[in-house]
Amino acid sequence: MQGLVVRHDRLGLGKVVSIDLQSLTIHFADGTVTQFARNSQHQGIIKRALLPVGIRCTARGGECRVKSVFTLDVPSTEPYSYEVIGEEGETLVLSELELSPIAEDRTGFPLEALASLKHQPFGVFLRRERLLDSYQKTIFQGFSIKAMLSSRVDLMSHQAYVAGTVLRDPVRRYILADEVGLGKTIEAGIVVHDLLGNNPAAKILVLCPSALTQQWLCELYSKVGGYVFRLLDLHSPDAIASQSKPEAIAVRLRIMPATRKRHGVWNSISTGSPGPRVRPA
């Protein structure tokens, strides 16, 4: 088996450089030299392998590139022969005992990887699948953190709890009902920030008494995400309707019926006081 090319699931292609009674030593293409138990091949840890078409190898007199497998109808314990192209363009037939693969940091198309016998084992696919599942779970669990951390205020613990409760729910139909002065506007602003961050084309309708319109306009701009809200009753309805991407709008309660009739479905934000802190609507 000495001199034959083998493959390890993690370390890749290598060449057996020595064998003793209990172990064998493999020199891998990336330069790693590792010892394995003598029965590693029977346990499936290392496997007999072909040199992929196109791989660079060192041979006598310099480097070459594998063109094709010359002889394949030999026992797996015997060396294969390959047709290679030398540095000067000459074609040679060499035994794998004379060839040592060179690692290449090259990413090709899947079809090319299959054609060059570089497809990876099923275990690698399973590990990638588990990694993707873990990544998606992490994104799902932490998708609301961006909106909370990127606000321009230091959230109080109760504000973070309320905003987090709403953002983690896929169906966001809530009434925020903290006591006066505890930051319902900030809590709602975090929800608005997350909604517009995930969908910049979303329309936000804020319904509030006229005395609070300035507070909403200022706090949503200065403390949340720099969003420019506009008062609907300061602009003509035709001008608002003609916009391809309507901006978020703060309006007074007295024009709510006309707004609903003219502009259709909106993502609305409402707050109240006092009552339960967070209650699904």
Foldseek 3Di string as FASTA:
>chain_A
DALFWKAAQPQGIWGFHDDDDFWTWTQGQAGDIDIDGPCCCVVVRMHGDDQFAQFWWAFPPGIWGFHAFDDDPDDSVDWTWTWIADPVRDTDIDTSSRITTHDDPDDDDPVVCVNRVNDHDPVVVVVVVVVVVVVVVVCLQCVLVVQVVPWQDDDDPLLCVQLSVQVNDPDRAKEAAAAPPNDPLVSLLSVVSSVCVVPVLAEEEEEDAPVCQVVNQVCSCRTGPNFHAAEPVVDDLVVQVPDPRHGHYYYYNVCVVVCCVSPPDHHYDDYHYHDDRMDGD
